[in-house]
N, C-alpha and C. Protein backbone atom coordinates (compact mmCIF):
# COMPACT_ATOMS: atom_id res chain seq x y z
N MET A 1 2.18 1.64 55.75
CA MET A 1 1.20 1.81 54.56
C MET A 1 0.10 0.72 54.85
N ASN A 2 -1.02 1.15 54.61
CA ASN A 2 -2.18 0.11 54.78
C ASN A 2 -2.14 -0.84 53.65
N PRO A 3 -2.17 -2.22 53.94
CA PRO A 3 -2.07 -3.16 52.95
C PRO A 3 -3.31 -3.37 52.06
N GLN A 4 -4.30 -2.91 52.74
CA GLN A 4 -5.68 -2.93 51.90
C GLN A 4 -5.83 -1.92 50.90
N ARG A 5 -5.13 -0.89 51.06
CA ARG A 5 -5.29 0.32 50.17
C ARG A 5 -4.15 0.28 49.13
N SER A 6 -4.43 0.13 47.94
CA SER A 6 -3.31 0.13 46.90
C SER A 6 -3.30 1.57 46.25
N SER A 7 -2.12 2.06 46.06
CA SER A 7 -1.97 3.37 45.48
C SER A 7 -2.12 3.25 43.90
N PRO A 8 -2.58 4.38 43.29
CA PRO A 8 -2.87 4.30 41.87
C PRO A 8 -1.59 3.95 41.04
N ALA A 9 -0.48 4.27 41.54
CA ALA A 9 0.77 3.99 40.88
C ALA A 9 1.12 2.48 40.85
N ARG A 10 0.53 1.69 41.85
CA ARG A 10 0.58 0.19 41.90
C ARG A 10 -0.36 -0.48 41.05
N SER A 11 -1.46 0.06 40.77
CA SER A 11 -2.57 -0.70 40.10
C SER A 11 -2.04 -0.89 38.62
N SER A 12 -2.39 -1.91 38.26
CA SER A 12 -2.03 -2.33 36.83
C SER A 12 -2.86 -1.74 35.86
N PRO A 13 -2.46 -1.23 34.68
CA PRO A 13 -3.32 -0.74 33.69
C PRO A 13 -4.38 -1.66 33.08
N ALA A 14 -5.51 -1.06 32.55
CA ALA A 14 -6.38 -1.99 32.00
C ALA A 14 -5.91 -2.69 30.93
N PRO A 15 -6.35 -4.05 30.95
CA PRO A 15 -5.64 -4.89 29.92
C PRO A 15 -6.20 -4.48 28.49
N SER A 16 -5.25 -4.46 27.52
CA SER A 16 -5.57 -4.19 26.24
C SER A 16 -5.94 -5.37 25.57
N SER A 17 -6.59 -5.25 24.31
CA SER A 17 -7.01 -6.44 23.53
C SER A 17 -5.72 -7.21 23.29
N PRO A 18 -5.65 -8.62 23.53
CA PRO A 18 -4.55 -9.43 23.36
C PRO A 18 -4.13 -9.49 21.79
N ALA A 19 -5.29 -9.47 21.00
CA ALA A 19 -5.03 -9.57 19.55
C ALA A 19 -4.33 -8.32 18.98
N ARG A 20 -4.88 -7.22 19.51
CA ARG A 20 -4.30 -5.88 19.05
C ARG A 20 -2.83 -5.64 19.48
N SER A 21 -2.57 -6.12 20.78
CA SER A 21 -1.18 -5.93 21.27
C SER A 21 -0.18 -6.72 20.49
N SER A 22 -0.59 -7.94 20.04
CA SER A 22 0.34 -8.72 19.37
C SER A 22 0.36 -8.57 17.83
N SER A 23 -0.45 -7.72 17.41
CA SER A 23 -0.49 -7.46 15.87
C SER A 23 0.72 -6.73 15.46
N PRO A 24 0.97 -6.70 14.16
CA PRO A 24 2.10 -5.96 13.65
C PRO A 24 1.72 -4.48 13.70
N ASP A 25 2.82 -3.67 13.69
CA ASP A 25 2.55 -2.15 13.87
C ASP A 25 2.23 -1.64 12.49
N LEU A 26 0.96 -1.19 12.40
CA LEU A 26 0.29 -0.91 11.15
C LEU A 26 -0.15 0.74 11.42
N PRO A 27 -0.07 1.59 10.32
CA PRO A 27 -0.33 2.94 10.42
C PRO A 27 -1.82 3.25 10.56
N GLY A 28 -2.01 4.52 11.06
CA GLY A 28 -3.37 5.20 11.08
C GLY A 28 -4.29 4.36 11.84
N GLY A 29 -3.93 3.81 12.98
CA GLY A 29 -4.89 3.14 13.90
C GLY A 29 -5.44 1.81 13.27
N VAL A 30 -4.86 1.39 12.25
CA VAL A 30 -5.27 0.13 11.53
C VAL A 30 -4.63 -0.92 12.28
N TRP A 31 -5.30 -2.11 12.61
CA TRP A 31 -4.75 -3.19 13.26
C TRP A 31 -5.40 -4.48 12.75
N VAL A 32 -4.67 -5.57 13.05
CA VAL A 32 -5.12 -6.87 12.64
C VAL A 32 -4.76 -7.93 13.62
N ALA A 33 -5.62 -8.76 14.04
CA ALA A 33 -5.25 -9.82 15.03
C ALA A 33 -4.14 -10.67 14.48
N ALA A 34 -3.26 -11.10 15.38
CA ALA A 34 -2.09 -11.93 15.10
C ALA A 34 -2.44 -13.19 14.54
N ASP A 35 -3.67 -13.75 14.90
CA ASP A 35 -3.97 -15.07 14.46
C ASP A 35 -4.74 -14.91 13.12
N ALA A 36 -4.93 -13.74 12.65
CA ALA A 36 -5.48 -13.53 11.24
C ALA A 36 -4.48 -13.51 10.20
N ILE A 37 -3.27 -13.32 10.63
CA ILE A 37 -2.05 -13.29 9.66
C ILE A 37 -1.47 -14.62 9.51
N ARG A 38 -1.26 -15.05 8.29
CA ARG A 38 -0.57 -16.33 7.99
C ARG A 38 0.77 -16.02 7.38
N LEU A 39 1.85 -16.56 8.02
CA LEU A 39 3.15 -16.44 7.51
C LEU A 39 3.84 -17.71 7.18
N ALA A 40 4.47 -17.76 6.06
CA ALA A 40 5.13 -19.08 5.52
C ALA A 40 6.48 -18.70 5.04
N TYR A 41 7.37 -19.62 5.29
CA TYR A 41 8.68 -19.47 4.87
C TYR A 41 9.22 -20.58 3.93
N SER A 42 9.88 -20.24 2.84
CA SER A 42 10.23 -21.41 1.93
C SER A 42 11.62 -20.97 1.40
N ARG A 43 12.27 -21.84 0.56
CA ARG A 43 13.62 -21.51 -0.09
C ARG A 43 13.34 -20.53 -1.21
N ALA A 44 14.24 -19.61 -1.18
CA ALA A 44 14.12 -18.59 -2.22
C ALA A 44 14.83 -19.08 -3.58
N SER A 45 14.42 -18.40 -4.65
CA SER A 45 15.11 -18.87 -6.00
C SER A 45 16.22 -17.89 -6.28
N GLY A 46 16.87 -18.29 -7.28
CA GLY A 46 17.92 -17.32 -7.76
C GLY A 46 19.36 -17.66 -7.12
N PRO A 47 20.36 -16.80 -7.44
CA PRO A 47 21.70 -17.01 -7.04
C PRO A 47 21.81 -16.83 -5.54
N GLY A 48 22.79 -17.40 -4.89
CA GLY A 48 22.98 -17.26 -3.45
C GLY A 48 23.84 -18.35 -2.90
N GLY A 49 24.31 -19.23 -3.77
CA GLY A 49 25.17 -20.27 -3.21
C GLY A 49 24.31 -21.30 -2.44
N GLN A 50 25.07 -21.88 -1.39
CA GLN A 50 24.57 -22.79 -0.51
C GLN A 50 23.37 -22.25 0.38
N ASN A 51 23.50 -20.96 0.60
CA ASN A 51 22.44 -20.35 1.61
C ASN A 51 21.04 -20.54 0.83
N VAL A 52 21.01 -20.46 -0.43
CA VAL A 52 19.71 -20.66 -1.07
C VAL A 52 19.13 -22.12 -0.97
N ASN A 53 20.09 -22.99 -1.01
CA ASN A 53 19.75 -24.47 -1.12
C ASN A 53 19.43 -25.03 0.29
N LYS A 54 19.86 -24.28 1.38
CA LYS A 54 19.66 -24.92 2.61
C LYS A 54 18.59 -24.13 3.54
N VAL A 55 18.46 -22.85 3.37
CA VAL A 55 17.75 -22.00 4.37
C VAL A 55 16.56 -21.58 3.81
N ASN A 56 15.43 -21.49 4.58
CA ASN A 56 14.10 -20.94 4.14
C ASN A 56 14.11 -19.45 4.46
N THR A 57 14.53 -18.69 3.45
CA THR A 57 14.59 -17.20 3.64
C THR A 57 13.38 -16.48 3.01
N LYS A 58 12.81 -16.99 2.10
CA LYS A 58 11.64 -16.31 1.38
C LYS A 58 10.44 -16.39 2.46
N ALA A 59 9.96 -15.15 2.56
CA ALA A 59 8.76 -14.86 3.41
C ALA A 59 7.58 -14.60 2.64
N GLU A 60 6.44 -15.13 3.01
CA GLU A 60 5.13 -14.95 2.48
C GLU A 60 4.11 -14.60 3.57
N LEU A 61 3.23 -13.67 3.28
CA LEU A 61 2.33 -13.15 4.21
C LEU A 61 0.88 -13.21 3.46
N TRP A 62 -0.11 -13.74 4.28
CA TRP A 62 -1.54 -13.56 3.74
C TRP A 62 -2.33 -13.00 4.95
N VAL A 63 -3.17 -11.99 4.44
CA VAL A 63 -4.01 -11.36 5.48
C VAL A 63 -5.34 -11.05 4.64
N LYS A 64 -6.49 -11.39 5.26
CA LYS A 64 -7.68 -11.03 4.53
C LYS A 64 -8.16 -9.50 4.75
N LEU A 65 -8.54 -9.03 3.75
CA LEU A 65 -9.08 -7.55 3.78
C LEU A 65 -10.11 -7.45 4.98
N ALA A 66 -10.92 -8.38 5.11
CA ALA A 66 -12.03 -8.31 6.07
C ALA A 66 -11.44 -8.35 7.47
N ASP A 67 -10.22 -8.87 7.75
CA ASP A 67 -9.70 -9.01 8.98
C ASP A 67 -9.04 -7.64 9.48
N LEU A 68 -8.80 -6.72 8.61
CA LEU A 68 -8.22 -5.34 8.89
C LEU A 68 -9.26 -4.62 9.72
N ARG A 69 -8.96 -4.13 10.95
CA ARG A 69 -9.80 -3.38 11.72
C ARG A 69 -9.31 -1.82 11.83
N GLY A 70 -10.16 -1.00 12.06
CA GLY A 70 -9.82 0.51 12.25
C GLY A 70 -9.62 1.16 10.99
N ILE A 71 -10.12 0.65 9.88
CA ILE A 71 -9.94 1.30 8.62
C ILE A 71 -11.21 1.65 8.05
N ALA A 72 -11.41 2.82 7.56
CA ALA A 72 -12.63 3.38 7.02
C ALA A 72 -12.97 2.52 5.87
N PRO A 73 -14.34 2.48 5.53
CA PRO A 73 -14.69 1.65 4.31
C PRO A 73 -14.26 2.26 3.06
N ASP A 74 -14.31 3.60 2.90
CA ASP A 74 -13.57 4.16 1.64
C ASP A 74 -12.17 3.85 1.68
N ALA A 75 -11.39 3.85 2.65
CA ALA A 75 -9.97 3.50 2.62
C ALA A 75 -9.75 2.03 2.24
N LEU A 76 -10.65 1.21 2.78
CA LEU A 76 -10.57 -0.20 2.47
C LEU A 76 -10.96 -0.45 0.96
N ALA A 77 -11.79 0.24 0.54
CA ALA A 77 -12.01 0.09 -1.05
C ALA A 77 -10.77 0.56 -1.73
N ARG A 78 -10.11 1.66 -1.33
CA ARG A 78 -8.94 2.10 -2.06
C ARG A 78 -7.79 1.13 -1.90
N LEU A 79 -7.78 0.42 -0.73
CA LEU A 79 -6.69 -0.52 -0.48
C LEU A 79 -7.06 -1.70 -1.35
N ALA A 80 -8.17 -2.09 -1.57
CA ALA A 80 -8.49 -3.26 -2.50
C ALA A 80 -7.96 -2.91 -3.89
N VAL A 81 -8.18 -1.63 -4.38
CA VAL A 81 -7.77 -1.25 -5.67
C VAL A 81 -6.22 -1.18 -5.81
N ASN A 82 -5.69 -0.59 -4.74
CA ASN A 82 -4.14 -0.53 -4.75
C ASN A 82 -3.44 -1.87 -4.61
N ALA A 83 -4.16 -2.77 -3.95
CA ALA A 83 -3.49 -4.12 -3.72
C ALA A 83 -4.06 -5.18 -4.66
N ALA A 84 -4.65 -4.70 -5.83
CA ALA A 84 -5.38 -5.61 -6.71
C ALA A 84 -4.46 -6.70 -7.25
N THR A 85 -3.14 -6.28 -7.42
CA THR A 85 -2.21 -7.35 -7.98
C THR A 85 -1.78 -8.35 -6.98
N TYR A 86 -2.03 -8.09 -5.70
CA TYR A 86 -1.72 -8.98 -4.67
C TYR A 86 -2.81 -9.74 -3.97
N LEU A 87 -4.08 -9.48 -4.48
CA LEU A 87 -5.34 -10.04 -3.99
C LEU A 87 -5.46 -11.43 -4.59
N THR A 88 -5.92 -12.39 -3.75
CA THR A 88 -6.27 -13.83 -4.14
C THR A 88 -7.79 -13.72 -4.30
N ILE A 89 -8.19 -14.85 -4.75
CA ILE A 89 -9.72 -15.14 -5.02
C ILE A 89 -10.48 -15.04 -3.73
N ASP A 90 -9.80 -15.37 -2.61
CA ASP A 90 -10.49 -15.40 -1.28
C ASP A 90 -10.49 -13.98 -0.63
N GLY A 91 -9.83 -12.98 -1.34
CA GLY A 91 -9.96 -11.68 -0.76
C GLY A 91 -8.81 -11.41 0.24
N GLU A 92 -7.74 -12.13 0.07
CA GLU A 92 -6.51 -12.00 0.96
C GLU A 92 -5.38 -11.35 0.14
N ILE A 93 -4.68 -10.39 0.91
CA ILE A 93 -3.45 -9.82 0.29
C ILE A 93 -2.42 -10.81 0.46
N HIS A 94 -1.68 -11.21 -0.50
CA HIS A 94 -0.59 -12.19 -0.50
C HIS A 94 0.66 -11.36 -0.96
N LEU A 95 1.60 -11.13 0.05
CA LEU A 95 2.74 -10.47 -0.25
C LEU A 95 3.96 -11.51 -0.01
N THR A 96 5.03 -11.28 -0.96
CA THR A 96 6.17 -12.19 -0.72
C THR A 96 7.51 -11.25 -0.73
N ALA A 97 8.50 -11.69 -0.15
CA ALA A 97 9.83 -11.10 -0.12
C ALA A 97 10.77 -12.11 -0.12
N SER A 98 11.87 -12.05 -1.06
CA SER A 98 12.98 -13.03 -0.99
C SER A 98 14.23 -12.25 -1.55
N THR A 99 14.26 -10.91 -1.38
CA THR A 99 15.48 -10.28 -1.84
C THR A 99 16.56 -10.26 -0.90
N GLU A 100 16.31 -10.46 0.40
CA GLU A 100 17.28 -10.27 1.52
C GLU A 100 17.75 -11.76 1.65
N ARG A 101 18.98 -11.95 2.42
CA ARG A 101 19.53 -13.12 2.61
C ARG A 101 19.01 -13.87 3.87
N SER A 102 18.25 -13.03 4.83
CA SER A 102 17.76 -13.66 6.05
C SER A 102 16.35 -13.60 6.06
N GLN A 103 15.74 -14.55 6.84
CA GLN A 103 14.42 -14.70 7.00
C GLN A 103 13.73 -13.41 7.69
N ALA A 104 14.52 -12.91 8.61
CA ALA A 104 13.88 -11.81 9.51
C ALA A 104 13.87 -10.56 8.70
N GLN A 105 14.84 -10.35 7.84
CA GLN A 105 14.87 -9.12 6.85
C GLN A 105 13.69 -9.22 5.92
N ASN A 106 13.49 -10.43 5.37
CA ASN A 106 12.36 -10.65 4.47
C ASN A 106 11.08 -10.45 5.22
N ARG A 107 10.99 -10.94 6.40
CA ARG A 107 9.66 -10.74 7.08
C ARG A 107 9.52 -9.29 7.31
N LYS A 108 10.51 -8.54 7.72
CA LYS A 108 10.33 -7.11 7.90
C LYS A 108 9.92 -6.40 6.68
N GLU A 109 10.60 -6.83 5.44
CA GLU A 109 10.12 -6.32 4.10
C GLU A 109 8.67 -6.50 3.83
N ILE A 110 8.07 -7.64 4.12
CA ILE A 110 6.73 -7.89 3.71
C ILE A 110 5.80 -6.97 4.62
N PHE A 111 6.13 -6.90 5.86
CA PHE A 111 5.37 -6.10 6.74
C PHE A 111 5.48 -4.51 6.29
N ASP A 112 6.62 -4.08 5.78
CA ASP A 112 6.83 -2.74 5.33
C ASP A 112 6.00 -2.56 4.03
N LYS A 113 5.86 -3.59 3.21
CA LYS A 113 5.03 -3.58 2.03
C LYS A 113 3.54 -3.37 2.37
N LEU A 114 3.13 -4.11 3.37
CA LEU A 114 1.74 -3.96 3.97
C LEU A 114 1.49 -2.63 4.48
N ARG A 115 2.44 -2.10 5.21
CA ARG A 115 2.40 -0.61 5.73
C ARG A 115 2.13 0.27 4.71
N ASN A 116 3.03 0.21 3.74
CA ASN A 116 2.97 1.23 2.56
C ASN A 116 1.70 1.11 1.89
N LEU A 117 1.11 -0.12 1.57
CA LEU A 117 -0.20 -0.23 0.91
C LEU A 117 -1.19 0.45 1.77
N ILE A 118 -1.23 0.19 3.03
CA ILE A 118 -2.25 0.80 3.99
C ILE A 118 -2.13 2.37 4.02
N LEU A 119 -0.81 2.81 3.98
CA LEU A 119 -0.52 4.33 4.04
C LEU A 119 -1.14 4.98 2.78
N LEU A 120 -0.93 4.35 1.63
CA LEU A 120 -1.43 4.82 0.39
C LEU A 120 -2.86 4.82 0.35
N ALA A 121 -3.55 3.87 0.90
CA ALA A 121 -4.95 3.69 1.00
C ALA A 121 -5.59 4.74 1.95
N LEU A 122 -4.91 5.14 2.92
CA LEU A 122 -5.43 6.11 3.90
C LEU A 122 -5.51 7.56 3.38
N VAL A 123 -4.71 7.84 2.35
CA VAL A 123 -4.73 9.19 1.75
C VAL A 123 -5.90 9.41 0.88
N ARG A 124 -6.81 10.19 1.30
CA ARG A 124 -7.91 10.47 0.28
C ARG A 124 -7.51 11.38 -0.67
N PRO A 125 -7.84 11.04 -2.04
CA PRO A 125 -7.44 11.75 -3.14
C PRO A 125 -8.21 13.06 -3.22
N LYS A 126 -7.40 14.19 -3.67
CA LYS A 126 -8.11 15.44 -3.78
C LYS A 126 -9.09 15.43 -4.76
N ARG A 127 -10.22 16.23 -4.51
CA ARG A 127 -11.24 16.36 -5.43
C ARG A 127 -10.91 17.26 -6.58
N ARG A 128 -11.16 16.88 -7.83
CA ARG A 128 -10.91 17.78 -8.93
C ARG A 128 -11.90 18.80 -9.11
N HIS A 129 -11.56 19.92 -9.33
CA HIS A 129 -12.49 21.06 -9.52
C HIS A 129 -12.42 21.29 -11.11
N LYS A 130 -13.60 21.36 -11.71
CA LYS A 130 -13.59 21.62 -13.18
C LYS A 130 -13.19 23.02 -13.40
N THR A 131 -12.42 23.23 -14.48
CA THR A 131 -11.94 24.59 -14.76
C THR A 131 -12.27 24.74 -16.30
N ARG A 132 -12.30 26.00 -16.70
CA ARG A 132 -12.59 26.21 -18.13
C ARG A 132 -11.44 27.00 -18.71
N PRO A 133 -10.95 26.77 -19.97
CA PRO A 133 -9.96 27.50 -20.60
C PRO A 133 -10.30 29.07 -20.68
N THR A 134 -9.26 29.82 -20.49
CA THR A 134 -9.58 31.30 -20.56
C THR A 134 -9.83 31.61 -21.97
N ARG A 135 -10.27 32.87 -22.19
CA ARG A 135 -10.50 33.45 -23.60
C ARG A 135 -9.15 33.53 -24.29
N ALA A 136 -8.06 34.04 -23.55
CA ALA A 136 -6.76 34.24 -24.23
C ALA A 136 -6.15 32.87 -24.54
N SER A 137 -6.40 31.81 -23.68
CA SER A 137 -5.77 30.47 -24.10
C SER A 137 -6.52 29.94 -25.34
N ARG A 138 -7.77 30.09 -25.44
CA ARG A 138 -8.54 29.70 -26.64
C ARG A 138 -8.09 30.39 -27.89
N ARG A 139 -7.91 31.75 -27.65
CA ARG A 139 -7.40 32.46 -28.91
C ARG A 139 -6.04 32.08 -29.39
N ARG A 140 -5.05 31.84 -28.29
CA ARG A 140 -3.72 31.27 -28.75
C ARG A 140 -3.77 29.96 -29.40
N ARG A 141 -4.67 29.06 -28.93
CA ARG A 141 -4.70 27.70 -29.58
C ARG A 141 -5.31 27.91 -30.99
N LEU A 142 -6.24 28.68 -31.18
CA LEU A 142 -6.81 28.85 -32.60
C LEU A 142 -5.81 29.56 -33.37
N ASP A 143 -5.10 30.56 -32.99
CA ASP A 143 -3.99 31.14 -33.76
C ASP A 143 -2.95 30.19 -34.09
N GLU A 144 -2.52 29.37 -33.19
CA GLU A 144 -1.58 28.39 -33.46
C GLU A 144 -2.04 27.35 -34.49
N LYS A 145 -3.30 26.90 -34.46
CA LYS A 145 -3.95 26.07 -35.41
C LYS A 145 -3.82 26.66 -36.79
N ARG A 146 -4.35 28.07 -36.75
CA ARG A 146 -4.30 28.63 -38.11
C ARG A 146 -2.89 28.85 -38.58
N HIS A 147 -1.95 29.07 -37.78
CA HIS A 147 -0.59 29.19 -38.26
C HIS A 147 -0.02 27.91 -38.91
N ARG A 148 -0.28 26.83 -38.08
CA ARG A 148 0.18 25.44 -38.66
C ARG A 148 -0.49 25.19 -40.05
N GLY A 149 -1.78 25.37 -40.08
CA GLY A 149 -2.59 25.22 -41.33
C GLY A 149 -1.97 25.91 -42.46
N GLU A 150 -1.51 27.31 -42.23
CA GLU A 150 -0.86 28.07 -43.32
C GLU A 150 0.40 27.50 -43.79
N ILE A 151 1.25 26.95 -42.76
CA ILE A 151 2.47 26.26 -43.13
C ILE A 151 2.31 25.14 -43.96
N LYS A 152 1.31 24.29 -43.54
CA LYS A 152 1.04 23.13 -44.41
C LYS A 152 0.53 23.38 -45.82
N SER A 153 -0.31 24.39 -45.79
CA SER A 153 -0.88 24.78 -47.21
C SER A 153 0.19 25.39 -48.07
N SER A 154 1.21 25.98 -47.51
CA SER A 154 2.21 26.64 -48.32
C SER A 154 3.16 25.59 -48.86
N ARG A 155 3.11 24.41 -48.32
CA ARG A 155 4.04 23.33 -48.76
C ARG A 155 3.50 22.72 -49.98
N SER A 156 2.19 22.74 -50.22
CA SER A 156 1.62 22.09 -51.50
C SER A 156 2.07 22.95 -52.70
N THR A 157 2.34 22.15 -53.70
CA THR A 157 2.59 22.92 -55.00
C THR A 157 1.51 22.68 -56.00
N THR A 158 1.23 23.61 -56.78
CA THR A 158 0.11 23.57 -57.68
C THR A 158 0.71 23.22 -59.04
N GLU A 159 0.21 22.15 -59.66
CA GLU A 159 0.83 21.74 -60.99
C GLU A 159 -0.17 22.08 -61.99
N GLU A 160 0.36 22.83 -63.06
CA GLU A 160 -0.45 23.06 -64.20
C GLU A 160 -0.05 22.57 -65.47
């Protein structure tokens, strides 16, 4: 084989963006640079014996809405509305998880929460079409109102 000629099978693929390849797996083509995500771990509260007192199992995640890439502006607006309870003043989504006993499981849980928020935002709500009540439904409603009125008027007693 000629050493100067390289076969296509041997050539390396085009390098992908390093930030995108190291970012968490997010749905719908949405990605965020790994350095745009802040993770912190601390001791969780509540019962758990010595594990709670010694191990930093609570996981916290911060990511700015502006750092999310590959998301349409209307979906980003829906994400801001859906994640309103998790938004900080700086426009960061702040998620926490401390229900599991291990740090890795809590980290997985906060990334699952982020994925679910993004999935919810990517779904476009169906547009509502105005409808009018049918003639029969209007007639039934008025008949029912008349019937209820007759029942109530028959309850009253006339005193003389």
